[in-house]
Amino acid sequence: MQQVERVWAGFDAGKHHHHLVVIDTAGRRLLSRRVANEEEEIRDTIDAVLAMASQVTWAIDLADCTSMT
């Protein structure tokens, strides 16, 4: 995939897995993926998103913060 200038990446955090969606400036979905709650998979996913664009804006949904307990 060719690198774009800017994307927005959103993680919906959960206890056992997370969900990631990445969109571009036109609102097109570039990536949508389930991510296991394992450090290596999270790191690999972050690296993949960072390779997609020169600027990434991140958002994390922790609705009730149960994923943090």
C-alpha atoms as a PDB file:
ATOM      1  CA  MET A   1       0.000   0.000   0.000  1.00  0.00           C
ATOM      2  CA  GLN A   2       1.262   3.452  -0.880  1.00  0.00           C
ATOM      3  CA  GLN A   3       1.814   5.768   2.073  1.00  0.00           C
ATOM      4  CA  VAL A   4      -0.685   8.629   2.415  1.00  0.00           C
ATOM      5  CA  GLU A   5      -0.136  11.946   4.159  1.00  0.00           C
ATOM      6  CA  ARG A   6      -2.568  11.529   7.070  1.00  0.00           C
ATOM      7  CA  VAL A   7      -4.812   8.897   8.670  1.00  0.00           C
ATOM      8  CA  TRP A   8      -6.899   8.530  11.801  1.00  0.00           C
ATOM      9  CA  ALA A   9      -6.641   5.266  13.741  1.00  0.00           C
ATOM     10  CA  GLY A  10      -9.145   4.212  16.369  1.00  0.00           C
ATOM     11  CA  PHE A  11      -8.807   1.343  18.850  1.00  0.00           C
ATOM     12  CA  ASP A  12     -11.846  -0.072  20.636  1.00  0.00           C
ATOM     13  CA  ALA A  13     -10.167  -1.685  23.658  1.00  0.00           C
ATOM     14  CA  GLY A  14     -11.440  -4.919  25.182  1.00  0.00           C
ATOM     15  CA  LYS A  15     -10.211  -7.498  27.678  1.00  0.00           C
ATOM     16  CA  HIS A  16      -9.385 -10.300  25.241  1.00  0.00           C
ATOM     17  CA  HIS A  17      -9.149  -8.463  21.949  1.00  0.00           C
ATOM     18  CA  HIS A  18      -9.356  -4.985  20.487  1.00  0.00           C
ATOM     19  CA  HIS A  19     -10.685  -3.663  17.206  1.00  0.00           C
ATOM     20  CA  LEU A  20      -8.816  -1.178  15.041  1.00  0.00           C
ATOM     21  CA  VAL A  21     -10.151   0.983  12.222  1.00  0.00           C
ATOM     22  CA  VAL A  22      -8.010   3.334  10.124  1.00  0.00           C
ATOM     23  CA  ILE A  23      -9.526   5.978   7.828  1.00  0.00           C
ATOM     24  CA  ASP A  24      -8.003   8.519   5.469  1.00  0.00           C
ATOM     25  CA  THR A  25      -8.815  12.209   5.007  1.00  0.00           C
ATOM     26  CA  ALA A  26     -11.737  11.324   2.704  1.00  0.00           C
ATOM     27  CA  GLY A  27     -13.227   8.997   5.318  1.00  0.00           C
ATOM     28  CA  ARG A  28     -12.362   5.843   3.380  1.00  0.00           C
ATOM     29  CA  ARG A  29     -11.687   2.812   5.551  1.00  0.00           C
ATOM     30  CA  LEU A  30      -8.135   1.680   4.869  1.00  0.00           C
ATOM     31  CA  LEU A  31      -7.927  -0.994   7.546  1.00  0.00           C
ATOM     32  CA  SER A  32     -10.311  -2.762   9.898  1.00  0.00           C
ATOM     33  CA  ARG A  33      -8.922  -5.541  12.031  1.00  0.00           C
ATOM     34  CA  ARG A  34      -9.389  -7.516  15.231  1.00  0.00           C
ATOM     35  CA  VAL A  35      -6.257  -7.364  17.372  1.00  0.00           C
ATOM     36  CA  ALA A  36      -5.517  -9.878  20.122  1.00  0.00           C
ATOM     37  CA  ASN A  37      -4.697  -8.407  23.519  1.00  0.00           C
ATOM     38  CA  GLU A  38      -1.075  -9.529  23.216  1.00  0.00           C
ATOM     39  CA  GLU A  39       1.883  -7.166  23.216  1.00  0.00           C
ATOM     40  CA  GLU A  40       3.511  -8.494  20.035  1.00  0.00           C
ATOM     41  CA  GLU A  41       0.297  -8.285  17.992  1.00  0.00           C
ATOM     42  CA  ILE A  42      -0.461  -4.787  19.308  1.00  0.00           C
ATOM     43  CA  ARG A  43       3.080  -3.618  18.454  1.00  0.00           C
ATOM     44  CA  ASP A  44       2.895  -5.159  14.960  1.00  0.00           C
ATOM     45  CA  THR A  45      -0.455  -3.454  14.379  1.00  0.00           C
ATOM     46  CA  ILE A  46       0.874  -0.072  15.513  1.00  0.00           C
ATOM     47  CA  ASP A  47       3.894  -0.483  13.218  1.00  0.00           C
ATOM     48  CA  ALA A  48       1.592  -1.307  10.279  1.00  0.00           C
ATOM     49  CA  VAL A  49      -0.489   1.815  10.902  1.00  0.00           C
ATOM     50  CA  LEU A  50       2.589   4.024  11.253  1.00  0.00           C
ATOM     51  CA  ALA A  51       3.826   2.731   7.881  1.00  0.00           C
ATOM     52  CA  MET A  52       0.545   3.814   6.234  1.00  0.00           C
ATOM     53  CA  ALA A  53       0.961   7.576   6.661  1.00  0.00           C
ATOM     54  CA  SER A  54       3.386  10.316   7.532  1.00  0.00           C
ATOM     55  CA  GLN A  55       0.942  11.579  10.189  1.00  0.00           C
ATOM     56  CA  VAL A  56      -1.303   9.374  12.355  1.00  0.00           C
ATOM     57  CA  THR A  57      -3.885  10.658  14.833  1.00  0.00           C
ATOM     58  CA  TRP A  58      -4.842   8.019  17.416  1.00  0.00           C
ATOM     59  CA  ALA A  59      -8.046   7.532  19.413  1.00  0.00           C
ATOM     60  CA  ILE A  60      -8.774   4.863  22.030  1.00  0.00           C
ATOM     61  CA  ASP A  61     -12.238   3.945  23.260  1.00  0.00           C
ATOM     62  CA  LEU A  62     -12.128   2.737  26.871  1.00  0.00           C
ATOM     63  CA  ALA A  63     -15.896   3.051  27.446  1.00  0.00           C
ATOM     64  CA  ASP A  64     -16.072   1.747  31.010  1.00  0.00           C
ATOM     65  CA  CYS A  65     -12.362   0.986  31.518  1.00  0.00           C
ATOM     66  CA  THR A  66     -13.051  -2.693  32.313  1.00  0.00           C
ATOM     67  CA  SER A  67     -10.292  -3.568  29.883  1.00  0.00           C
ATOM     68  CA  MET A  68      -7.867  -1.882  32.244  1.00  0.00           C
ATOM     69  CA  THR A  69      -8.716  -4.003  35.299  1.00  0.00           C
END
